[in-house]
Amino acid sequence: MAFRMQSSVPDLVDLSEESAATLELYGDGEFASQCLKARRLVEKGVRFVELFNGDWDSHSNQKSRLTANCKNVDQPIAALIKDIKQRGLLDQTLVVWGAEFGRTPMLQGDESPEKCGRDHQKDAYSIWMAGGGIKGGTTYGSTNDLGNEVAENPVEVRDMHATMMHLLGIDHERLTYKFQGFDQRLTGVEEAHVIKDILA
C-alpha cells in the first residue's frame, strides 16, 4: 500500500492536465498550487489534506503584510470551494480555515499606519468552515465592540473539535485512546459540545 501511495504522487501533483480555465480560477502562487493539489487529492479519495500558509505573525508592517497575505489566499481558497462544489464533492468534504490564535484589534509597536503591527490574540478570533454538513451563510458568536473579548456564544477549541468529529461521524465522547494507562479523548477532559446551530 505504501508503494501504491508513493507511486501515485507524480500523477497527483502534475497539473499539466488541468484546463486553462481551472488554472485561471485558482490563480498563481504557492498557495494556489496547494489548493489545486488539495482538490486533486480529495478527488482521489484522500481523507485528510492539510494546507499551510505562513507569515501571518505580523507584529510589524501589518498593512502591507496583511494585504499581501490576503491577496495570496483569497482567490485560491474560494476557487477550491467552488471547484469541489462543481464536482459534487463539497457535501462530503469539510473545509476548515483557522489558526491557533488571532490578532489583537489594537495596534502594536510603531504608531505609523504603515509600520505598526498587531499582537497575538487568544481570547477572541474567528475560524470558518464550509461543506461537509455545515449550514452555509451562518455566523455563530460575536465579540464586544472592541473585538477583544467574546460577547455571545463562546466556542472553545474542544467544542470546535467535537463539532468537526461529529461531522465526520465520530462521537467525541466515545472515541478514546490509551495514554499512560488512561483512556484519553481527543477533546480533552473538560466538557465539550457539538455546535448544533451551525449544522445543516
N, C-alpha and C. Protein backbone atom coordinates (compact mmCIF):
# COMPACT_ATOMS: atom_id res chain seq x y z
N MET A 1 0.82 -1.18 0.00
CA MET A 1 0.00 0.00 0.00
C MET A 1 0.87 1.26 0.00
N ALA A 2 1.98 1.21 0.77
CA ALA A 2 2.89 2.36 0.81
C ALA A 2 3.46 2.63 -0.58
N PHE A 3 3.80 1.58 -1.31
CA PHE A 3 4.32 1.76 -2.67
C PHE A 3 3.28 2.40 -3.58
N ARG A 4 2.03 1.90 -3.48
CA ARG A 4 0.97 2.47 -4.32
C ARG A 4 0.75 3.95 -4.01
N MET A 5 0.82 4.29 -2.71
CA MET A 5 0.67 5.69 -2.33
C MET A 5 1.79 6.55 -2.92
N GLN A 6 3.02 6.08 -2.79
CA GLN A 6 4.16 6.85 -3.28
C GLN A 6 4.17 6.94 -4.80
N SER A 7 3.81 5.86 -5.46
CA SER A 7 3.86 5.86 -6.92
C SER A 7 2.74 6.68 -7.54
N SER A 8 1.70 6.99 -6.76
CA SER A 8 0.60 7.80 -7.30
C SER A 8 0.88 9.30 -7.20
N VAL A 9 1.88 9.69 -6.43
CA VAL A 9 2.15 11.11 -6.20
C VAL A 9 2.49 11.87 -7.48
N PRO A 10 3.35 11.36 -8.36
CA PRO A 10 3.66 12.15 -9.56
C PRO A 10 2.42 12.54 -10.37
N ASP A 11 1.46 11.64 -10.50
CA ASP A 11 0.24 11.97 -11.24
C ASP A 11 -0.60 13.01 -10.50
N LEU A 12 -0.64 12.91 -9.18
CA LEU A 12 -1.45 13.84 -8.40
C LEU A 12 -0.93 15.27 -8.44
N VAL A 13 0.38 15.43 -8.50
CA VAL A 13 0.94 16.78 -8.47
C VAL A 13 1.22 17.33 -9.87
N ASP A 14 0.93 16.55 -10.90
CA ASP A 14 1.12 17.02 -12.28
C ASP A 14 -0.13 17.80 -12.69
N LEU A 15 0.02 19.11 -12.79
CA LEU A 15 -1.11 19.97 -13.10
C LEU A 15 -1.26 20.24 -14.59
N SER A 16 -0.45 19.57 -15.41
CA SER A 16 -0.48 19.84 -16.85
C SER A 16 -1.80 19.43 -17.50
N GLU A 17 -2.55 18.52 -16.87
CA GLU A 17 -3.83 18.09 -17.43
C GLU A 17 -4.98 19.04 -17.08
N GLU A 18 -4.73 19.98 -16.17
CA GLU A 18 -5.78 20.91 -15.76
C GLU A 18 -6.05 21.92 -16.88
N SER A 19 -7.30 22.29 -17.06
CA SER A 19 -7.66 23.23 -18.12
C SER A 19 -7.16 24.64 -17.78
N ALA A 20 -7.04 25.46 -18.81
CA ALA A 20 -6.63 26.85 -18.62
C ALA A 20 -7.63 27.58 -17.72
N ALA A 21 -8.92 27.24 -17.86
CA ALA A 21 -9.95 27.88 -17.03
C ALA A 21 -9.77 27.53 -15.56
N THR A 22 -9.41 26.28 -15.28
CA THR A 22 -9.20 25.87 -13.89
C THR A 22 -7.98 26.56 -13.31
N LEU A 23 -6.89 26.61 -14.07
CA LEU A 23 -5.68 27.27 -13.59
C LEU A 23 -5.94 28.76 -13.34
N GLU A 24 -6.73 29.38 -14.20
CA GLU A 24 -7.07 30.79 -14.01
C GLU A 24 -7.95 30.98 -12.79
N LEU A 25 -8.85 30.02 -12.54
CA LEU A 25 -9.73 30.08 -11.38
C LEU A 25 -8.93 30.15 -10.08
N TYR A 26 -7.88 29.31 -9.98
CA TYR A 26 -7.08 29.25 -8.77
C TYR A 26 -6.05 30.38 -8.69
N GLY A 27 -5.58 30.85 -9.82
CA GLY A 27 -4.58 31.92 -9.82
C GLY A 27 -3.17 31.38 -9.67
N ASP A 28 -2.25 32.31 -9.42
CA ASP A 28 -0.83 31.98 -9.34
C ASP A 28 -0.36 31.91 -7.89
N GLY A 29 0.79 31.30 -7.71
CA GLY A 29 1.42 31.29 -6.39
C GLY A 29 1.40 29.91 -5.75
N GLU A 30 2.18 29.80 -4.68
CA GLU A 30 2.34 28.53 -3.97
C GLU A 30 1.04 28.06 -3.33
N PHE A 31 0.30 28.98 -2.70
CA PHE A 31 -0.94 28.55 -2.06
C PHE A 31 -1.98 28.14 -3.09
N ALA A 32 -2.00 28.81 -4.23
CA ALA A 32 -2.91 28.41 -5.30
C ALA A 32 -2.61 26.99 -5.74
N SER A 33 -1.32 26.69 -5.88
CA SER A 33 -0.91 25.33 -6.26
C SER A 33 -1.33 24.32 -5.19
N GLN A 34 -1.17 24.68 -3.92
CA GLN A 34 -1.59 23.79 -2.83
C GLN A 34 -3.09 23.50 -2.90
N CYS A 35 -3.88 24.54 -3.14
CA CYS A 35 -5.33 24.36 -3.18
C CYS A 35 -5.75 23.46 -4.34
N LEU A 36 -5.13 23.66 -5.49
CA LEU A 36 -5.47 22.82 -6.65
C LEU A 36 -5.06 21.37 -6.41
N LYS A 37 -3.89 21.18 -5.81
CA LYS A 37 -3.46 19.82 -5.48
C LYS A 37 -4.36 19.19 -4.43
N ALA A 38 -4.87 20.01 -3.51
CA ALA A 38 -5.80 19.50 -2.50
C ALA A 38 -7.06 18.97 -3.16
N ARG A 39 -7.57 19.71 -4.15
CA ARG A 39 -8.76 19.24 -4.86
C ARG A 39 -8.49 17.92 -5.55
N ARG A 40 -7.32 17.78 -6.15
CA ARG A 40 -6.96 16.54 -6.82
C ARG A 40 -6.86 15.38 -5.83
N LEU A 41 -6.31 15.66 -4.64
CA LEU A 41 -6.22 14.63 -3.60
C LEU A 41 -7.60 14.20 -3.13
N VAL A 42 -8.47 15.17 -2.91
CA VAL A 42 -9.84 14.85 -2.47
C VAL A 42 -10.54 14.01 -3.54
N GLU A 43 -10.36 14.36 -4.80
CA GLU A 43 -10.96 13.58 -5.90
C GLU A 43 -10.50 12.14 -5.89
N LYS A 44 -9.25 11.91 -5.48
CA LYS A 44 -8.69 10.55 -5.46
C LYS A 44 -9.03 9.79 -4.18
N GLY A 45 -9.78 10.45 -3.28
CA GLY A 45 -10.22 9.74 -2.08
C GLY A 45 -9.35 9.95 -0.86
N VAL A 46 -8.39 10.86 -0.91
CA VAL A 46 -7.58 11.14 0.27
C VAL A 46 -8.49 11.74 1.33
N ARG A 47 -8.41 11.24 2.55
CA ARG A 47 -9.39 11.59 3.57
C ARG A 47 -9.01 12.79 4.42
N PHE A 48 -7.75 13.17 4.41
CA PHE A 48 -7.33 14.34 5.19
C PHE A 48 -6.24 15.06 4.43
N VAL A 49 -6.45 16.33 4.17
CA VAL A 49 -5.47 17.16 3.46
C VAL A 49 -5.27 18.42 4.28
N GLU A 50 -4.01 18.75 4.57
CA GLU A 50 -3.71 19.96 5.32
C GLU A 50 -2.90 20.90 4.45
N LEU A 51 -3.34 22.14 4.37
CA LEU A 51 -2.62 23.18 3.64
C LEU A 51 -2.05 24.16 4.64
N PHE A 52 -0.93 24.77 4.30
CA PHE A 52 -0.29 25.70 5.21
C PHE A 52 0.08 26.97 4.46
N ASN A 53 -0.21 28.09 5.09
CA ASN A 53 0.22 29.39 4.56
C ASN A 53 0.75 30.20 5.72
N GLY A 54 2.02 30.56 5.69
CA GLY A 54 2.67 31.21 6.82
C GLY A 54 2.74 32.72 6.68
N ASP A 55 3.54 33.31 7.55
CA ASP A 55 3.85 34.74 7.55
C ASP A 55 2.66 35.61 7.99
N TRP A 56 1.79 35.08 8.84
CA TRP A 56 0.68 35.87 9.36
C TRP A 56 1.04 36.50 10.71
N ASP A 57 2.22 36.24 11.21
CA ASP A 57 2.64 36.72 12.53
C ASP A 57 3.13 38.16 12.42
N SER A 58 2.19 39.07 12.19
CA SER A 58 2.51 40.43 11.77
C SER A 58 2.62 41.40 12.96
N HIS A 59 3.74 41.33 13.65
CA HIS A 59 3.99 42.27 14.75
C HIS A 59 4.42 43.64 14.22
N SER A 60 4.69 43.73 12.94
CA SER A 60 5.06 45.00 12.32
C SER A 60 4.62 44.97 10.86
N ASN A 61 4.57 46.12 10.25
CA ASN A 61 4.18 46.24 8.83
C ASN A 61 2.88 45.51 8.52
N GLN A 62 1.92 45.65 9.43
CA GLN A 62 0.64 44.95 9.31
C GLN A 62 -0.05 45.23 7.98
N LYS A 63 -0.10 46.49 7.59
CA LYS A 63 -0.86 46.85 6.40
C LYS A 63 -0.36 46.13 5.15
N SER A 64 0.93 46.19 4.90
CA SER A 64 1.45 45.56 3.68
C SER A 64 1.44 44.05 3.78
N ARG A 65 1.75 43.50 4.96
CA ARG A 65 1.80 42.04 5.11
C ARG A 65 0.41 41.42 5.01
N LEU A 66 -0.58 42.06 5.67
CA LEU A 66 -1.94 41.53 5.61
C LEU A 66 -2.50 41.63 4.20
N THR A 67 -2.23 42.74 3.54
CA THR A 67 -2.69 42.90 2.15
C THR A 67 -2.10 41.81 1.26
N ALA A 68 -0.80 41.57 1.39
CA ALA A 68 -0.14 40.55 0.57
C ALA A 68 -0.66 39.15 0.89
N ASN A 69 -0.83 38.84 2.18
CA ASN A 69 -1.33 37.52 2.56
C ASN A 69 -2.74 37.27 2.05
N CYS A 70 -3.60 38.27 2.21
CA CYS A 70 -4.99 38.11 1.73
C CYS A 70 -5.02 37.92 0.23
N LYS A 71 -4.19 38.66 -0.49
CA LYS A 71 -4.12 38.52 -1.94
C LYS A 71 -3.68 37.10 -2.33
N ASN A 72 -2.76 36.53 -1.55
CA ASN A 72 -2.24 35.20 -1.85
C ASN A 72 -3.26 34.08 -1.60
N VAL A 73 -4.18 34.28 -0.64
CA VAL A 73 -5.06 33.18 -0.25
C VAL A 73 -6.52 33.32 -0.68
N ASP A 74 -7.00 34.53 -0.85
CA ASP A 74 -8.44 34.72 -1.10
C ASP A 74 -8.91 34.01 -2.37
N GLN A 75 -8.26 34.25 -3.47
CA GLN A 75 -8.70 33.64 -4.72
C GLN A 75 -8.56 32.12 -4.70
N PRO A 76 -7.41 31.58 -4.27
CA PRO A 76 -7.27 30.11 -4.29
C PRO A 76 -8.25 29.38 -3.38
N ILE A 77 -8.51 29.91 -2.17
CA ILE A 77 -9.40 29.18 -1.26
C ILE A 77 -10.84 29.24 -1.77
N ALA A 78 -11.22 30.39 -2.34
CA ALA A 78 -12.56 30.49 -2.95
C ALA A 78 -12.66 29.54 -4.14
N ALA A 79 -11.59 29.45 -4.92
CA ALA A 79 -11.58 28.54 -6.07
C ALA A 79 -11.70 27.09 -5.63
N LEU A 80 -11.02 26.73 -4.55
CA LEU A 80 -11.09 25.35 -4.05
C LEU A 80 -12.53 24.98 -3.69
N ILE A 81 -13.20 25.86 -2.96
CA ILE A 81 -14.59 25.57 -2.57
C ILE A 81 -15.48 25.49 -3.80
N LYS A 82 -15.34 26.44 -4.71
CA LYS A 82 -16.15 26.44 -5.93
C LYS A 82 -15.90 25.19 -6.77
N ASP A 83 -14.63 24.82 -6.89
CA ASP A 83 -14.24 23.68 -7.71
C ASP A 83 -14.77 22.36 -7.14
N ILE A 84 -14.60 22.16 -5.83
CA ILE A 84 -15.09 20.89 -5.27
C ILE A 84 -16.62 20.85 -5.25
N LYS A 85 -17.25 22.03 -5.17
CA LYS A 85 -18.71 22.07 -5.25
C LYS A 85 -19.18 21.70 -6.65
N GLN A 86 -18.52 22.25 -7.68
CA GLN A 86 -18.89 21.94 -9.06
C GLN A 86 -18.73 20.45 -9.37
N ARG A 87 -17.81 19.81 -8.68
CA ARG A 87 -17.54 18.38 -8.90
C ARG A 87 -18.38 17.48 -8.00
N GLY A 88 -19.29 18.08 -7.24
CA GLY A 88 -20.18 17.29 -6.39
C GLY A 88 -19.52 16.74 -5.14
N LEU A 89 -18.43 17.35 -4.71
CA LEU A 89 -17.68 16.83 -3.56
C LEU A 89 -17.84 17.66 -2.29
N LEU A 90 -18.45 18.84 -2.37
CA LEU A 90 -18.48 19.72 -1.20
C LEU A 90 -19.33 19.16 -0.07
N ASP A 91 -20.42 18.48 -0.39
CA ASP A 91 -21.27 17.92 0.67
C ASP A 91 -20.55 16.89 1.51
N GLN A 92 -19.54 16.24 0.93
CA GLN A 92 -18.82 15.21 1.67
C GLN A 92 -17.40 15.65 2.04
N THR A 93 -17.09 16.94 1.85
CA THR A 93 -15.77 17.47 2.17
C THR A 93 -15.93 18.63 3.15
N LEU A 94 -15.30 18.52 4.31
CA LEU A 94 -15.33 19.58 5.29
C LEU A 94 -14.08 20.44 5.12
N VAL A 95 -14.27 21.71 4.82
CA VAL A 95 -13.17 22.65 4.67
C VAL A 95 -13.13 23.52 5.92
N VAL A 96 -11.97 23.55 6.58
CA VAL A 96 -11.80 24.33 7.81
C VAL A 96 -10.66 25.31 7.61
N TRP A 97 -10.91 26.57 7.91
CA TRP A 97 -9.88 27.60 7.80
C TRP A 97 -9.68 28.20 9.19
N GLY A 98 -8.47 28.10 9.71
CA GLY A 98 -8.24 28.64 11.04
C GLY A 98 -6.77 28.71 11.39
N ALA A 99 -6.51 29.17 12.58
CA ALA A 99 -5.15 29.27 13.11
C ALA A 99 -5.21 29.00 14.61
N GLU A 100 -4.07 29.01 15.25
CA GLU A 100 -4.07 28.73 16.69
C GLU A 100 -4.45 29.95 17.52
N PHE A 101 -4.45 31.13 16.91
CA PHE A 101 -4.92 32.34 17.58
C PHE A 101 -5.14 33.41 16.52
N GLY A 102 -5.74 34.51 16.94
CA GLY A 102 -5.98 35.62 16.02
C GLY A 102 -5.00 36.75 16.27
N ARG A 103 -5.39 37.96 15.86
CA ARG A 103 -4.57 39.16 16.07
C ARG A 103 -5.39 40.16 16.88
N THR A 104 -4.72 40.92 17.71
CA THR A 104 -5.41 41.91 18.53
C THR A 104 -6.04 42.99 17.65
N PRO A 105 -7.15 43.58 18.12
CA PRO A 105 -7.71 44.71 17.40
C PRO A 105 -6.90 45.98 17.62
N MET A 106 -6.04 45.98 18.66
CA MET A 106 -5.21 47.15 18.95
C MET A 106 -3.91 47.08 18.18
N LEU A 107 -3.36 48.23 17.85
CA LEU A 107 -2.08 48.29 17.15
C LEU A 107 -0.94 48.00 18.10
N GLN A 108 0.18 47.57 17.54
CA GLN A 108 1.35 47.23 18.33
C GLN A 108 2.57 47.92 17.72
N GLY A 109 3.46 48.40 18.60
CA GLY A 109 4.73 48.95 18.12
C GLY A 109 4.60 50.34 17.56
N ASP A 110 5.23 50.54 16.44
CA ASP A 110 5.28 51.85 15.78
C ASP A 110 3.87 52.40 15.54
N GLU A 111 3.66 53.68 15.79
CA GLU A 111 2.34 54.29 15.62
C GLU A 111 2.00 54.58 14.17
N SER A 112 2.97 54.52 13.30
CA SER A 112 2.73 54.79 11.89
C SER A 112 1.82 53.71 11.30
N PRO A 113 0.75 54.10 10.60
CA PRO A 113 -0.14 53.11 9.98
C PRO A 113 0.60 52.16 9.02
N GLU A 114 1.70 52.62 8.46
CA GLU A 114 2.45 51.79 7.51
C GLU A 114 3.36 50.79 8.21
N LYS A 115 3.72 51.06 9.46
CA LYS A 115 4.73 50.23 10.14
C LYS A 115 4.20 49.45 11.34
N CYS A 116 3.03 49.83 11.86
CA CYS A 116 2.54 49.19 13.08
C CYS A 116 2.15 47.74 12.81
N GLY A 117 2.03 46.98 13.90
CA GLY A 117 1.63 45.59 13.79
C GLY A 117 0.46 45.29 14.71
N ARG A 118 0.19 44.01 14.88
CA ARG A 118 -0.84 43.57 15.82
C ARG A 118 -0.31 42.34 16.55
N ASP A 119 -0.58 42.27 17.83
CA ASP A 119 -0.04 41.20 18.67
C ASP A 119 -0.93 39.96 18.60
N HIS A 120 -0.52 38.89 19.30
CA HIS A 120 -1.29 37.66 19.37
C HIS A 120 -2.59 37.90 20.12
N GLN A 121 -3.66 37.23 19.71
CA GLN A 121 -4.96 37.37 20.37
C GLN A 121 -5.57 35.99 20.53
N LYS A 122 -5.59 35.50 21.76
CA LYS A 122 -6.13 34.17 22.03
C LYS A 122 -7.56 34.20 22.55
N ASP A 123 -8.05 35.37 22.95
CA ASP A 123 -9.34 35.43 23.64
C ASP A 123 -10.54 35.55 22.72
N ALA A 124 -10.36 36.06 21.51
CA ALA A 124 -11.49 36.21 20.58
C ALA A 124 -10.94 36.28 19.16
N TYR A 125 -11.28 35.29 18.36
CA TYR A 125 -10.86 35.29 16.96
C TYR A 125 -11.80 34.40 16.17
N SER A 126 -11.62 34.35 14.89
CA SER A 126 -12.56 33.65 14.02
C SER A 126 -11.91 32.49 13.28
N ILE A 127 -12.72 31.50 13.02
CA ILE A 127 -12.40 30.47 12.03
C ILE A 127 -13.64 30.35 11.15
N TRP A 128 -13.50 29.68 10.03
CA TRP A 128 -14.70 29.38 9.25
C TRP A 128 -14.63 27.96 8.71
N MET A 129 -15.82 27.42 8.45
CA MET A 129 -15.93 26.07 7.90
C MET A 129 -16.94 26.10 6.77
N ALA A 130 -16.75 25.21 5.82
CA ALA A 130 -17.66 25.11 4.67
C ALA A 130 -17.82 23.65 4.28
N GLY A 131 -18.96 23.35 3.65
CA GLY A 131 -19.20 21.99 3.15
C GLY A 131 -19.46 21.02 4.27
N GLY A 132 -19.38 19.73 3.95
CA GLY A 132 -19.41 18.64 4.90
C GLY A 132 -20.41 18.70 6.04
N GLY A 133 -21.60 19.26 5.81
CA GLY A 133 -22.62 19.29 6.85
C GLY A 133 -22.75 20.63 7.56
N ILE A 134 -21.99 21.64 7.11
CA ILE A 134 -22.08 22.97 7.71
C ILE A 134 -23.21 23.76 7.04
N LYS A 135 -23.96 24.50 7.85
CA LYS A 135 -25.03 25.35 7.33
C LYS A 135 -24.39 26.62 6.75
N GLY A 136 -24.41 26.75 5.43
CA GLY A 136 -23.78 27.88 4.77
C GLY A 136 -24.38 29.21 5.17
N GLY A 137 -23.55 30.25 5.19
CA GLY A 137 -24.01 31.59 5.47
C GLY A 137 -24.34 31.86 6.93
N THR A 138 -23.91 30.98 7.81
CA THR A 138 -24.22 31.11 9.23
C THR A 138 -23.06 31.75 9.98
N THR A 139 -23.38 32.70 10.84
CA THR A 139 -22.39 33.28 11.75
C THR A 139 -22.78 32.86 13.15
N TYR A 140 -21.81 32.38 13.91
CA TYR A 140 -22.09 31.93 15.28
C TYR A 140 -21.13 32.64 16.22
N GLY A 141 -21.68 33.33 17.20
CA GLY A 141 -20.85 34.04 18.16
C GLY A 141 -20.54 35.46 17.72
N SER A 142 -20.14 36.28 18.69
CA SER A 142 -19.77 37.66 18.40
C SER A 142 -18.84 38.16 19.50
N THR A 143 -18.18 39.27 19.20
CA THR A 143 -17.29 39.89 20.18
C THR A 143 -17.91 41.17 20.70
N ASN A 144 -17.24 41.77 21.67
CA ASN A 144 -17.64 43.10 22.13
C ASN A 144 -17.29 44.11 21.04
N ASP A 145 -17.64 45.37 21.27
CA ASP A 145 -17.42 46.39 20.25
C ASP A 145 -15.94 46.56 19.90
N LEU A 146 -15.06 46.34 20.86
CA LEU A 146 -13.63 46.47 20.60
C LEU A 146 -13.08 45.27 19.84
N GLY A 147 -13.74 44.13 19.98
CA GLY A 147 -13.28 42.93 19.27
C GLY A 147 -12.23 42.14 20.00
N ASN A 148 -12.07 42.39 21.30
CA ASN A 148 -11.02 41.67 22.03
C ASN A 148 -11.55 40.63 23.01
N GLU A 149 -12.87 40.55 23.18
CA GLU A 149 -13.46 39.54 24.06
C GLU A 149 -14.73 38.99 23.43
N VAL A 150 -15.02 37.72 23.72
CA VAL A 150 -16.24 37.11 23.22
C VAL A 150 -17.43 37.68 24.01
N ALA A 151 -18.45 38.12 23.29
CA ALA A 151 -19.64 38.67 23.93
C ALA A 151 -20.82 37.69 23.90
N GLU A 152 -20.86 36.83 22.87
CA GLU A 152 -22.01 35.93 22.71
C GLU A 152 -21.55 34.61 22.10
N ASN A 153 -22.09 33.52 22.61
CA ASN A 153 -21.81 32.16 22.11
C ASN A 153 -20.32 31.85 22.01
N PRO A 154 -19.64 31.81 23.14
CA PRO A 154 -18.22 31.44 23.10
C PRO A 154 -18.05 29.99 22.63
N VAL A 155 -17.00 29.75 21.89
CA VAL A 155 -16.68 28.41 21.40
C VAL A 155 -15.25 28.08 21.82
N GLU A 156 -15.10 27.04 22.60
CA GLU A 156 -13.77 26.58 22.98
C GLU A 156 -13.21 25.72 21.84
N VAL A 157 -11.90 25.58 21.81
CA VAL A 157 -11.28 24.73 20.78
C VAL A 157 -11.84 23.32 20.85
N ARG A 158 -12.07 22.82 22.07
CA ARG A 158 -12.61 21.46 22.21
C ARG A 158 -14.02 21.36 21.62
N ASP A 159 -14.81 22.46 21.67
CA ASP A 159 -16.13 22.46 21.05
C ASP A 159 -16.00 22.37 19.53
N MET A 160 -15.05 23.11 18.99
CA MET A 160 -14.83 23.06 17.54
C MET A 160 -14.41 21.65 17.13
N HIS A 161 -13.52 21.04 17.91
CA HIS A 161 -13.09 19.68 17.60
C HIS A 161 -14.24 18.69 17.72
N ALA A 162 -15.07 18.84 18.74
CA ALA A 162 -16.22 17.95 18.90
C ALA A 162 -17.16 18.08 17.70
N THR A 163 -17.34 19.31 17.23
CA THR A 163 -18.21 19.56 16.08
C THR A 163 -17.63 18.95 14.81
N MET A 164 -16.34 19.14 14.61
CA MET A 164 -15.69 18.56 13.43
C MET A 164 -15.78 17.04 13.46
N MET A 165 -15.56 16.45 14.62
CA MET A 165 -15.65 15.00 14.74
C MET A 165 -17.07 14.53 14.46
N HIS A 166 -18.05 15.26 14.97
CA HIS A 166 -19.45 14.92 14.70
C HIS A 166 -19.72 14.90 13.20
N LEU A 167 -19.22 15.92 12.51
CA LEU A 167 -19.42 15.99 11.06
C LEU A 167 -18.72 14.85 10.32
N LEU A 168 -17.71 14.29 10.94
CA LEU A 168 -17.01 13.14 10.37
C LEU A 168 -17.61 11.81 10.82
N GLY A 169 -18.71 11.89 11.59
CA GLY A 169 -19.39 10.68 12.03
C GLY A 169 -18.78 10.05 13.26
N ILE A 170 -18.05 10.83 14.06
CA ILE A 170 -17.37 10.31 15.25
C ILE A 170 -17.96 10.97 16.49
N ASP A 171 -18.33 10.16 17.47
CA ASP A 171 -18.81 10.68 18.75
C ASP A 171 -17.59 10.97 19.62
N HIS A 172 -17.34 12.23 19.90
CA HIS A 172 -16.13 12.62 20.62
C HIS A 172 -16.11 12.07 22.05
N GLU A 173 -17.26 11.72 22.60
CA GLU A 173 -17.30 11.19 23.96
C GLU A 173 -16.99 9.70 24.00
N ARG A 174 -17.16 9.02 22.87
CA ARG A 174 -16.94 7.57 22.85
C ARG A 174 -15.58 7.18 22.28
N LEU A 175 -14.99 8.04 21.45
CA LEU A 175 -13.69 7.72 20.86
C LEU A 175 -12.60 8.03 21.88
N THR A 176 -11.94 7.00 22.35
CA THR A 176 -10.86 7.19 23.32
C THR A 176 -9.61 6.45 22.85
N TYR A 177 -8.49 6.83 23.43
CA TYR A 177 -7.24 6.13 23.15
C TYR A 177 -6.46 6.02 24.46
N LYS A 178 -5.66 4.98 24.58
CA LYS A 178 -4.88 4.75 25.80
C LYS A 178 -3.63 5.61 25.78
N PHE A 179 -3.38 6.29 26.90
CA PHE A 179 -2.14 7.05 27.06
C PHE A 179 -1.75 7.01 28.52
N GLN A 180 -0.60 6.46 28.80
CA GLN A 180 -0.08 6.32 30.15
C GLN A 180 -1.09 5.68 31.10
N GLY A 181 -1.76 4.65 30.59
CA GLY A 181 -2.67 3.88 31.41
C GLY A 181 -4.07 4.44 31.55
N PHE A 182 -4.35 5.55 30.88
CA PHE A 182 -5.66 6.17 31.00
C PHE A 182 -6.34 6.23 29.64
N ASP A 183 -7.67 6.20 29.65
CA ASP A 183 -8.43 6.47 28.44
C ASP A 183 -8.49 7.98 28.24
N GLN A 184 -8.00 8.45 27.12
CA GLN A 184 -7.99 9.88 26.80
C GLN A 184 -8.96 10.15 25.64
N ARG A 185 -9.48 11.37 25.59
CA ARG A 185 -10.34 11.78 24.49
C ARG A 185 -9.65 12.87 23.69
N LEU A 186 -9.92 12.94 22.40
CA LEU A 186 -9.32 13.97 21.56
C LEU A 186 -9.79 15.36 21.96
N THR A 187 -10.96 15.46 22.57
CA THR A 187 -11.47 16.76 23.01
C THR A 187 -11.07 17.07 24.45
N GLY A 188 -10.25 16.24 25.07
CA GLY A 188 -9.75 16.52 26.41
C GLY A 188 -10.69 16.06 27.50
N VAL A 189 -10.39 16.47 28.73
CA VAL A 189 -11.16 16.01 29.88
C VAL A 189 -12.30 16.96 30.25
N GLU A 190 -12.25 18.20 29.78
CA GLU A 190 -13.33 19.14 30.07
C GLU A 190 -14.50 18.88 29.13
N GLU A 191 -15.69 19.30 29.55
CA GLU A 191 -16.88 19.07 28.76
C GLU A 191 -16.80 19.81 27.43
N ALA A 192 -17.10 19.10 26.36
CA ALA A 192 -17.09 19.68 25.01
C ALA A 192 -18.47 19.51 24.40
N HIS A 193 -18.86 20.45 23.56
CA HIS A 193 -20.20 20.45 22.98
C HIS A 193 -20.13 20.56 21.46
N VAL A 194 -20.96 19.79 20.77
CA VAL A 194 -21.15 19.95 19.35
C VAL A 194 -21.97 21.23 19.13
N ILE A 195 -21.52 22.09 18.25
CA ILE A 195 -22.22 23.36 17.99
C ILE A 195 -23.32 23.09 16.96
N LYS A 196 -24.48 22.73 17.45
CA LYS A 196 -25.56 22.28 16.57
C LYS A 196 -26.14 23.40 15.70
N ASP A 197 -26.00 24.64 16.12
CA ASP A 197 -26.58 25.76 15.37
C ASP A 197 -25.91 25.98 14.03
N ILE A 198 -24.72 25.43 13.83
CA ILE A 198 -24.04 25.63 12.54
C ILE A 198 -24.16 24.42 11.61
N LEU A 199 -24.89 23.40 12.08
CA LEU A 199 -25.04 22.18 11.27
C LEU A 199 -26.20 22.30 10.30
N ALA A 200 -26.00 21.81 9.09
CA ALA A 200 -27.06 21.86 8.06
C ALA A 200 -28.18 20.89 8.42
